[in-house]
Amino acid sequence: MTRLLLFGGSFDPIHHGHLIVARAAAEHLGISRVILVPCAAPPHKPDRVLAPSVDRLAMCRVATAGEALFEVDDFEVRAGPPCYSLRTVRHYAESQPDVAIHWLIGADSLRELTSWHRIRELADACTFVTAARPGCAEPDWASLGAAVSPQALERIRAHVLPTPEIMISASAIRARVRAGRSVRYLVPDGVIAYVGERGLYRG
């Protein structure tokens, strides 16, 4: 069975940290397809104002243009909020039943998994792959074990990967743009051009 790595998030904007970590996880697991799935609105941050979804999708496509490893899917944007991961995983499970689905998260998200929507069902429906995150403490494995099945917990623990710890954040990039500072080397050049053309993150 072939394997697929889904990587969801707001990508506001997508940056080199996202791409480096996703590639490292795919290489570690021997996965040849990574699909970026920008969300319409993160359900755990209902009050957060995002750049328009059309722009976040476009930046993902610009950032990965010409890269055979990456695809960009607008499923969550088309489906609209709430962007529950279970809905996305089930969509792929139904449309590609011969594919084993993996879901890439950061270590900070691993610590919050017990609060995710219908986490027991989600953890049974996919394999979580956790990328290292600088300064992030270990999760409460006992609490997580109570929230998911024993088989899912075993898979989660086996897929905490030693990916590069990249100290880049989308919030810092947005702040630099607002301050009129360069974001070169933080995001792909095509994203820099797109942000400038669309006037994103200025106000």
Protein backbone atom coordinates (compact mmCIF):
# COMPACT_ATOMS: atom_id res chain seq x y z
CA MET A 1 0.00 0.00 0.00
CA THR A 2 1.31 3.43 -0.93
CA ARG A 3 1.54 6.12 1.73
CA LEU A 4 0.46 9.74 1.63
CA LEU A 5 1.55 12.54 3.96
CA LEU A 6 -1.03 15.26 4.60
CA PHE A 7 0.13 18.56 6.07
CA GLY A 8 -2.65 20.87 7.17
CA GLY A 9 -2.50 24.35 8.59
CA SER A 10 -3.27 27.99 7.99
CA PHE A 11 0.00 28.60 6.07
CA ASP A 12 -0.30 32.33 6.74
CA PRO A 13 2.16 32.53 5.05
CA ILE A 14 3.85 29.28 4.09
CA HIS A 15 7.58 29.48 4.84
CA HIS A 16 10.81 27.53 4.49
CA GLY A 17 10.31 25.90 7.88
CA HIS A 18 7.12 24.21 6.67
CA LEU A 19 8.79 22.93 3.53
CA ILE A 20 12.02 21.75 5.16
CA VAL A 21 10.20 19.82 7.87
CA ALA A 22 7.70 18.27 5.44
CA ARG A 23 10.49 17.11 3.14
CA ALA A 24 12.49 15.70 6.05
CA ALA A 25 9.47 13.75 7.33
CA ALA A 26 8.69 12.39 3.87
CA GLU A 27 12.30 11.32 3.32
CA HIS A 28 12.49 9.69 6.76
CA LEU A 29 9.38 7.63 6.04
CA GLY A 30 10.04 7.02 2.36
CA ILE A 31 6.86 8.83 1.30
CA SER A 32 6.80 10.33 -2.18
CA ARG A 33 3.66 12.52 -1.91
CA VAL A 34 3.11 15.41 0.48
CA ILE A 35 -0.17 17.28 0.15
CA LEU A 36 -0.48 20.71 1.72
CA VAL A 37 -4.05 21.35 2.88
CA PRO A 38 -4.59 25.01 3.85
CA CYS A 39 -7.57 25.41 6.15
CA ALA A 40 -10.45 27.83 5.75
CA ALA A 41 -10.27 28.82 9.45
CA PRO A 42 -8.55 26.94 12.30
CA PRO A 43 -11.27 25.62 14.68
CA HIS A 44 -9.00 26.04 17.72
CA LYS A 45 -8.46 29.75 16.92
CA PRO A 46 -11.94 30.98 15.96
CA ASP A 47 -11.15 34.68 16.46
CA ARG A 48 -7.96 34.75 14.44
CA VAL A 49 -8.03 36.85 11.28
CA LEU A 50 -6.24 35.14 8.37
CA ALA A 51 -5.17 36.32 4.96
CA PRO A 52 -7.85 35.36 2.41
CA SER A 53 -7.87 31.66 1.63
CA VAL A 54 -7.34 32.35 -2.07
CA ASP A 55 -4.06 34.07 -1.19
CA ARG A 56 -2.88 31.36 1.21
CA LEU A 57 -3.60 28.72 -1.42
CA ALA A 58 -1.79 30.72 -4.06
CA MET A 59 1.27 31.17 -1.83
CA CYS A 60 1.40 27.42 -1.20
CA ARG A 61 1.29 26.79 -4.94
CA VAL A 62 3.95 29.41 -5.65
CA ALA A 63 6.18 28.00 -2.91
CA THR A 64 6.01 24.44 -4.26
CA ALA A 65 5.96 25.12 -8.01
CA GLY A 66 8.16 22.64 -9.84
CA GLU A 67 8.59 20.41 -6.76
CA ALA A 68 7.51 16.86 -7.55
CA LEU A 69 7.16 15.98 -3.86
CA PHE A 70 4.47 18.55 -3.09
CA GLU A 71 0.84 19.02 -4.07
CA VAL A 72 -1.61 21.64 -2.81
CA ASP A 73 -5.27 20.78 -2.20
CA ASP A 74 -8.09 23.28 -1.64
CA PHE A 75 -10.41 20.67 -0.08
CA GLU A 76 -10.73 22.37 3.33
CA VAL A 77 -11.16 25.80 1.77
CA ARG A 78 -13.91 24.52 -0.55
CA ALA A 79 -15.59 22.60 2.26
CA GLY A 80 -15.46 25.64 4.55
CA PRO A 81 -15.17 25.78 8.34
CA PRO A 82 -14.95 24.05 10.68
CA CYS A 83 -11.72 22.50 9.37
CA TYR A 84 -11.74 19.30 11.38
CA SER A 85 -8.92 16.95 10.46
CA LEU A 86 -11.22 13.93 10.68
CA ARG A 87 -13.32 15.26 7.82
CA THR A 88 -10.21 15.73 5.68
CA VAL A 89 -8.79 12.29 6.47
CA ARG A 90 -12.12 10.64 5.67
CA HIS A 91 -12.26 12.51 2.37
CA TYR A 92 -8.90 11.04 1.36
CA ALA A 93 -9.76 7.60 2.72
CA GLU A 94 -12.90 7.52 0.58
CA SER A 95 -11.33 8.98 -2.56
CA GLN A 96 -8.09 6.96 -2.32
CA PRO A 97 -8.90 3.73 -0.47
CA ASP A 98 -5.62 2.08 -1.48
CA VAL A 99 -3.52 4.76 0.28
CA ALA A 100 -2.30 4.75 3.90
CA ILE A 101 -2.82 8.26 5.24
CA HIS A 102 -0.27 9.99 7.47
CA TRP A 103 -0.87 13.40 9.07
CA LEU A 104 2.09 15.67 9.81
CA ILE A 105 1.92 17.76 12.99
CA GLY A 106 4.36 19.71 15.14
CA ALA A 107 5.39 18.70 18.64
CA ASP A 108 3.22 21.51 20.03
CA SER A 109 0.18 19.95 18.36
CA LEU A 110 1.11 16.53 19.74
CA ARG A 111 0.75 17.96 23.24
CA GLU A 112 -2.75 19.20 22.35
CA LEU A 113 -4.06 16.09 20.59
CA THR A 114 -6.41 15.15 23.41
CA SER A 115 -8.42 18.32 22.65
CA TRP A 116 -8.77 17.58 18.92
CA HIS A 117 -12.21 16.86 17.51
CA ARG A 118 -13.09 13.14 17.87
CA ILE A 119 -9.45 12.31 18.41
CA ARG A 120 -10.01 8.58 18.99
CA GLU A 121 -11.61 8.18 15.56
CA LEU A 122 -9.02 10.40 13.91
CA ALA A 123 -6.07 8.55 15.43
CA ASP A 124 -7.53 5.27 14.20
CA ALA A 125 -8.11 6.68 10.70
CA CYS A 126 -4.56 7.93 10.09
CA THR A 127 -1.02 7.78 11.40
CA PHE A 128 0.17 10.94 13.11
CA VAL A 129 3.72 11.95 12.22
CA THR A 130 5.24 14.44 14.65
CA ALA A 131 8.01 16.84 13.67
CA ALA A 132 10.34 18.13 16.35
CA ARG A 133 9.68 21.68 17.57
CA PRO A 134 12.28 23.78 19.42
CA GLY A 135 11.63 24.08 23.16
CA CYS A 136 8.53 21.89 23.14
CA ALA A 137 8.09 19.61 26.14
CA GLU A 138 7.06 15.96 26.03
CA PRO A 139 3.32 15.32 25.80
CA ASP A 140 1.35 13.75 28.62
CA TRP A 141 1.50 10.23 27.26
CA ALA A 142 -0.85 8.86 29.93
CA SER A 143 -3.60 11.34 29.03
CA LEU A 144 -3.09 10.70 25.32
CA GLY A 145 -3.22 6.97 25.95
CA ALA A 146 -6.60 7.40 27.61
CA ALA A 147 -7.90 9.38 24.62
CA VAL A 148 -6.85 7.04 21.79
CA SER A 149 -6.71 3.31 21.22
CA PRO A 150 -3.59 1.35 22.29
CA GLN A 151 -2.75 0.67 18.64
CA ALA A 152 -3.01 4.35 17.73
CA LEU A 153 -0.86 5.37 20.69
CA GLU A 154 1.81 2.90 19.61
CA ARG A 155 1.80 4.38 16.10
CA ILE A 156 1.97 7.94 17.44
CA ARG A 157 4.95 7.15 19.67
CA ALA A 158 6.73 5.34 16.83
CA HIS A 159 6.36 8.31 14.48
CA VAL A 160 7.94 11.13 16.51
CA LEU A 161 10.68 12.06 14.05
CA PRO A 162 14.05 13.79 14.46
CA THR A 163 13.26 16.44 11.87
CA PRO A 164 15.26 19.69 11.65
CA GLU A 165 14.30 22.25 14.30
CA ILE A 166 13.67 25.37 12.22
CA MET A 167 13.24 28.61 14.16
CA ILE A 168 10.90 30.32 11.70
CA SER A 169 7.34 31.30 12.50
CA ALA A 170 4.56 32.71 10.35
CA SER A 171 3.68 35.25 13.05
CA ALA A 172 7.24 36.62 13.02
CA ILE A 173 7.15 36.84 9.23
CA ARG A 174 3.88 38.79 9.34
CA ALA A 175 5.36 41.14 11.94
CA ARG A 176 8.43 41.76 9.78
CA VAL A 177 6.25 42.58 6.77
CA ARG A 178 4.18 45.01 8.86
CA ALA A 179 7.39 46.67 10.03
CA GLY A 180 8.69 46.97 6.46
CA ARG A 181 11.57 44.55 7.12
CA SER A 182 12.90 41.92 4.73
CA VAL A 183 11.64 38.34 4.89
CA ARG A 184 14.14 37.04 2.40
CA TYR A 185 15.51 33.58 3.32
CA LEU A 186 12.44 33.03 5.52
CA VAL A 187 10.00 32.36 2.69
CA PRO A 188 10.49 31.37 -0.97
CA ASP A 189 11.18 34.26 -3.32
CA GLY A 190 7.89 33.68 -5.14
CA VAL A 191 6.02 34.13 -1.87
CA ILE A 192 7.87 37.38 -1.18
CA ALA A 193 6.79 38.66 -4.58
CA TYR A 194 3.20 37.53 -4.05
CA VAL A 195 2.96 39.17 -0.62
CA GLY A 196 4.25 42.42 -2.12
CA GLU A 197 1.94 42.33 -5.12
CA ARG A 198 -1.14 41.63 -2.98
CA GLY A 199 -0.16 43.96 -0.15
CA LEU A 200 -0.60 41.22 2.44
CA TYR A 201 0.19 41.69 6.15
CA ARG A 202 0.71 45.43 5.84
CA GLY A 203 -1.98 46.59 8.22
